[in-house]
Amino acid sequence: MEARVEMAVAPEDVQVAAKPQRRSFTAEYKRRILKEADACTTPGAVGTLLRRERLYSSHLVEWRRARARSERAVMIARVEERQARVGIAPLCDALGLARATFDRRRGAPPPGPTAPRERRAPRQARTPTERAGVLAVLH
């Protein structure tokens, strides 16, 4: 036999926890942490830093990616400023920036033919006469 136990819950007993606020980090804080993490040389030093600051390794990954994107944006701006005097290719080489990256960020169309090329027939392809004969037999 089953015994059912029903408990009545009074509405005043129900408590809803407030939604926790996400932490937000200032740009200066991110720069400082990245500088400290980059200076860590001994094994476990980055882990100690992350525990002390209550951060995850994914924070460092995202912040490093953002830093690289901003550095790339600065380099692209420098190339665009000086391209009329020197040219794009020498500037990209001097800054260590791939020419394709510069073109993609600038939104330039990719160089190359715009019209599609005509495809050659495969070696084993039937000639038009053979093809017409096969179609006549099938239909």
C-alpha atoms as a PDB file:
ATOM      1  CA  MET A   1       0.000   0.000   0.000  1.00  0.00           C
ATOM      2  CA  GLU A   2       1.162   3.436  -0.782  1.00  0.00           C
ATOM      3  CA  ALA A   3       1.127   6.197   1.680  1.00  0.00           C
ATOM      4  CA  ARG A   4       0.753   9.644   0.228  1.00  0.00           C
ATOM      5  CA  VAL A   5       2.001  12.571   2.116  1.00  0.00           C
ATOM      6  CA  GLU A   6       0.889  15.946   0.872  1.00  0.00           C
ATOM      7  CA  MET A   7       2.357  19.045   2.286  1.00  0.00           C
ATOM      8  CA  ALA A   8       0.689  22.343   1.887  1.00  0.00           C
ATOM      9  CA  VAL A   9       3.084  25.158   1.168  1.00  0.00           C
ATOM     10  CA  ALA A  10       2.077  28.541   2.341  1.00  0.00           C
ATOM     11  CA  PRO A  11       2.737  31.318  -0.181  1.00  0.00           C
ATOM     12  CA  GLU A  12       4.806  33.304   2.305  1.00  0.00           C
ATOM     13  CA  ASP A  13       7.229  30.356   2.711  1.00  0.00           C
ATOM     14  CA  VAL A  14       8.313  30.489  -0.939  1.00  0.00           C
ATOM     15  CA  GLN A  15      11.405  32.571  -1.478  1.00  0.00           C
ATOM     16  CA  VAL A  16      12.837  33.382  -4.860  1.00  0.00           C
ATOM     17  CA  ALA A  17      16.513  34.125  -5.039  1.00  0.00           C
ATOM     18  CA  ALA A  18      17.431  37.297  -6.854  1.00  0.00           C
ATOM     19  CA  LYS A  19      19.064  36.843 -10.232  1.00  0.00           C
ATOM     20  CA  PRO A  20      22.831  37.216  -9.757  1.00  0.00           C
ATOM     21  CA  GLN A  21      24.517  40.084 -11.550  1.00  0.00           C
ATOM     22  CA  ARG A  22      27.217  39.278 -14.090  1.00  0.00           C
ATOM     23  CA  ARG A  23      30.593  40.694 -13.330  1.00  0.00           C
ATOM     24  CA  SER A  24      31.864  43.323 -15.706  1.00  0.00           C
ATOM     25  CA  PHE A  25      35.491  44.201 -16.051  1.00  0.00           C
ATOM     26  CA  THR A  26      36.982  47.536 -17.022  1.00  0.00           C
ATOM     27  CA  ALA A  27      39.448  47.797 -19.871  1.00  0.00           C
ATOM     28  CA  GLU A  28      42.184  48.862 -17.444  1.00  0.00           C
ATOM     29  CA  TYR A  29      41.551  45.785 -15.253  1.00  0.00           C
ATOM     30  CA  LYS A  30      41.726  43.491 -18.309  1.00  0.00           C
ATOM     31  CA  ARG A  31      44.997  45.091 -19.451  1.00  0.00           C
ATOM     32  CA  ARG A  32      46.490  44.716 -15.971  1.00  0.00           C
ATOM     33  CA  ILE A  33      45.500  41.039 -15.688  1.00  0.00           C
ATOM     34  CA  LEU A  34      46.775  40.260 -19.188  1.00  0.00           C
ATOM     35  CA  LYS A  35      50.067  41.981 -18.382  1.00  0.00           C
ATOM     36  CA  GLU A  36      50.403  39.934 -15.192  1.00  0.00           C
ATOM     37  CA  ALA A  37      49.479  36.690 -16.998  1.00  0.00           C
ATOM     38  CA  ASP A  38      51.973  37.374 -19.779  1.00  0.00           C
ATOM     39  CA  ALA A  39      54.684  37.976 -17.170  1.00  0.00           C
ATOM     40  CA  CYS A  40      54.064  34.597 -15.451  1.00  0.00           C
ATOM     41  CA  THR A  41      56.981  32.281 -16.151  1.00  0.00           C
ATOM     42  CA  THR A  42      56.834  29.580 -13.478  1.00  0.00           C
ATOM     43  CA  PRO A  43      54.495  26.595 -13.807  1.00  0.00           C
ATOM     44  CA  GLY A  44      51.203  27.228 -12.031  1.00  0.00           C
ATOM     45  CA  ALA A  45      51.659  30.987 -11.799  1.00  0.00           C
ATOM     46  CA  VAL A  46      48.796  31.727 -14.203  1.00  0.00           C
ATOM     47  CA  GLY A  47      46.531  29.358 -12.244  1.00  0.00           C
ATOM     48  CA  THR A  48      47.421  31.163  -9.029  1.00  0.00           C
ATOM     49  CA  LEU A  49      46.613  34.492 -10.647  1.00  0.00           C
ATOM     50  CA  LEU A  50      43.257  33.200 -11.915  1.00  0.00           C
ATOM     51  CA  ARG A  51      42.301  31.814  -8.492  1.00  0.00           C
ATOM     52  CA  ARG A  52      43.330  35.029  -6.741  1.00  0.00           C
ATOM     53  CA  GLU A  53      41.237  37.148  -9.095  1.00  0.00           C
ATOM     54  CA  ARG A  54      38.395  34.573  -9.274  1.00  0.00           C
ATOM     55  CA  LEU A  55      38.650  34.323 -13.068  1.00  0.00           C
ATOM     56  CA  TYR A  56      38.446  31.510 -15.574  1.00  0.00           C
ATOM     57  CA  SER A  57      41.023  30.701 -18.228  1.00  0.00           C
ATOM     58  CA  SER A  58      38.356  31.491 -20.835  1.00  0.00           C
ATOM     59  CA  HIS A  59      38.473  35.114 -19.642  1.00  0.00           C
ATOM     60  CA  LEU A  60      42.148  35.279 -20.606  1.00  0.00           C
ATOM     61  CA  VAL A  61      41.465  33.631 -23.973  1.00  0.00           C
ATOM     62  CA  GLU A  62      38.702  36.091 -24.869  1.00  0.00           C
ATOM     63  CA  TRP A  63      40.633  39.117 -23.635  1.00  0.00           C
ATOM     64  CA  ARG A  64      43.724  38.079 -25.603  1.00  0.00           C
ATOM     65  CA  ARG A  65      41.644  37.647 -28.748  1.00  0.00           C
ATOM     66  CA  ALA A  66      40.092  41.083 -28.251  1.00  0.00           C
ATOM     67  CA  ARG A  67      43.541  42.576 -27.760  1.00  0.00           C
ATOM     68  CA  ALA A  68      44.783  40.962 -30.977  1.00  0.00           C
ATOM     69  CA  ARG A  69      41.734  42.254 -32.887  1.00  0.00           C
ATOM     70  CA  SER A  70      42.311  45.799 -31.662  1.00  0.00           C
ATOM     71  CA  GLU A  71      46.016  45.614 -32.522  1.00  0.00           C
ATOM     72  CA  ARG A  72      45.118  44.380 -36.009  1.00  0.00           C
ATOM     73  CA  ALA A  73      42.616  47.229 -36.394  1.00  0.00           C
ATOM     74  CA  VAL A  74      45.321  49.744 -35.480  1.00  0.00           C
ATOM     75  CA  MET A  75      47.686  48.231 -38.055  1.00  0.00           C
ATOM     76  CA  ILE A  76      44.998  48.344 -40.746  1.00  0.00           C
ATOM     77  CA  ALA A  77      44.339  51.998 -39.948  1.00  0.00           C
ATOM     78  CA  ARG A  78      48.080  52.739 -40.292  1.00  0.00           C
ATOM     79  CA  VAL A  79      48.189  51.010 -43.683  1.00  0.00           C
ATOM     80  CA  GLU A  80      45.161  52.967 -44.900  1.00  0.00           C
ATOM     81  CA  GLU A  81      46.722  56.265 -43.780  1.00  0.00           C
ATOM     82  CA  ARG A  82      50.000  55.683 -45.623  1.00  0.00           C
ATOM     83  CA  GLN A  83      48.945  53.588 -48.621  1.00  0.00           C
ATOM     84  CA  ALA A  84      48.876  56.524 -51.062  1.00  0.00           C
ATOM     85  CA  ARG A  85      52.531  57.374 -50.403  1.00  0.00           C
ATOM     86  CA  VAL A  86      54.118  53.945 -50.109  1.00  0.00           C
ATOM     87  CA  GLY A  87      51.667  51.322 -51.383  1.00  0.00           C
ATOM     88  CA  ILE A  88      49.756  48.578 -49.644  1.00  0.00           C
ATOM     89  CA  ALA A  89      52.065  45.603 -50.200  1.00  0.00           C
ATOM     90  CA  PRO A  90      55.240  47.162 -48.696  1.00  0.00           C
ATOM     91  CA  LEU A  91      53.294  48.482 -45.707  1.00  0.00           C
ATOM     92  CA  CYS A  92      51.671  45.121 -45.002  1.00  0.00           C
ATOM     93  CA  ASP A  93      55.093  43.450 -45.211  1.00  0.00           C
ATOM     94  CA  ALA A  94      56.653  45.997 -42.863  1.00  0.00           C
ATOM     95  CA  LEU A  95      53.862  45.621 -40.295  1.00  0.00           C
ATOM     96  CA  GLY A  96      53.704  41.838 -40.555  1.00  0.00           C
ATOM     97  CA  LEU A  97      50.102  41.985 -41.691  1.00  0.00           C
ATOM     98  CA  ALA A  98      48.862  39.563 -44.328  1.00  0.00           C
ATOM     99  CA  ARG A  99      47.596  41.308 -47.435  1.00  0.00           C
ATOM    100  CA  ALA A 100      44.478  39.093 -47.453  1.00  0.00           C
ATOM    101  CA  THR A 101      43.677  40.159 -43.875  1.00  0.00           C
ATOM    102  CA  PHE A 102      43.955  43.806 -44.875  1.00  0.00           C
ATOM    103  CA  ASP A 103      41.669  43.303 -47.881  1.00  0.00           C
ATOM    104  CA  ARG A 104      39.066  41.395 -45.846  1.00  0.00           C
ATOM    105  CA  ARG A 105      38.971  44.011 -43.078  1.00  0.00           C
ATOM    106  CA  ARG A 106      38.763  46.845 -45.565  1.00  0.00           C
ATOM    107  CA  GLY A 107      35.932  45.149 -47.432  1.00  0.00           C
ATOM    108  CA  ALA A 108      37.692  45.144 -50.782  1.00  0.00           C
ATOM    109  CA  PRO A 109      36.498  42.595 -53.324  1.00  0.00           C
ATOM    110  CA  PRO A 110      38.864  39.677 -53.744  1.00  0.00           C
ATOM    111  CA  PRO A 111      41.220  40.022 -56.694  1.00  0.00           C
ATOM    112  CA  GLY A 112      40.756  37.670 -59.601  1.00  0.00           C
ATOM    113  CA  PRO A 113      38.406  36.861 -62.423  1.00  0.00           C
ATOM    114  CA  THR A 114      34.814  37.885 -61.917  1.00  0.00           C
ATOM    115  CA  ALA A 115      33.264  35.805 -64.705  1.00  0.00           C
ATOM    116  CA  PRO A 116      33.176  32.039 -64.168  1.00  0.00           C
ATOM    117  CA  ARG A 117      35.473  30.045 -66.389  1.00  0.00           C
ATOM    118  CA  GLU A 118      34.059  27.560 -68.876  1.00  0.00           C
ATOM    119  CA  ARG A 119      34.412  23.967 -67.688  1.00  0.00           C
ATOM    120  CA  ARG A 120      36.155  21.424 -69.847  1.00  0.00           C
ATOM    121  CA  ALA A 121      34.383  18.157 -70.510  1.00  0.00           C
ATOM    122  CA  PRO A 122      35.760  15.137 -68.634  1.00  0.00           C
ATOM    123  CA  ARG A 123      37.885  12.686 -70.669  1.00  0.00           C
ATOM    124  CA  GLN A 124      35.298   9.893 -70.449  1.00  0.00           C
ATOM    125  CA  ALA A 125      32.376  12.151 -71.348  1.00  0.00           C
ATOM    126  CA  ARG A 126      30.221  11.072 -74.288  1.00  0.00           C
ATOM    127  CA  THR A 127      30.331  13.102 -77.459  1.00  0.00           C
ATOM    128  CA  PRO A 128      27.108  14.916 -78.367  1.00  0.00           C
ATOM    129  CA  THR A 129      26.371  12.261 -81.031  1.00  0.00           C
ATOM    130  CA  GLU A 130      26.867   9.383 -78.548  1.00  0.00           C
ATOM    131  CA  ARG A 131      24.745  11.157 -75.980  1.00  0.00           C
ATOM    132  CA  ALA A 132      21.909  11.661 -78.456  1.00  0.00           C
ATOM    133  CA  GLY A 133      22.048   7.936 -79.337  1.00  0.00           C
ATOM    134  CA  VAL A 134      21.841   6.887 -75.660  1.00  0.00           C
ATOM    135  CA  LEU A 135      18.928   9.246 -75.032  1.00  0.00           C
ATOM    136  CA  ALA A 136      17.109   7.897 -78.122  1.00  0.00           C
ATOM    137  CA  VAL A 137      17.408   4.343 -76.782  1.00  0.00           C
ATOM    138  CA  LEU A 138      16.236   5.313 -73.298  1.00  0.00           C
ATOM    139  CA  HIS A 139      13.209   7.308 -74.444  1.00  0.00           C
END
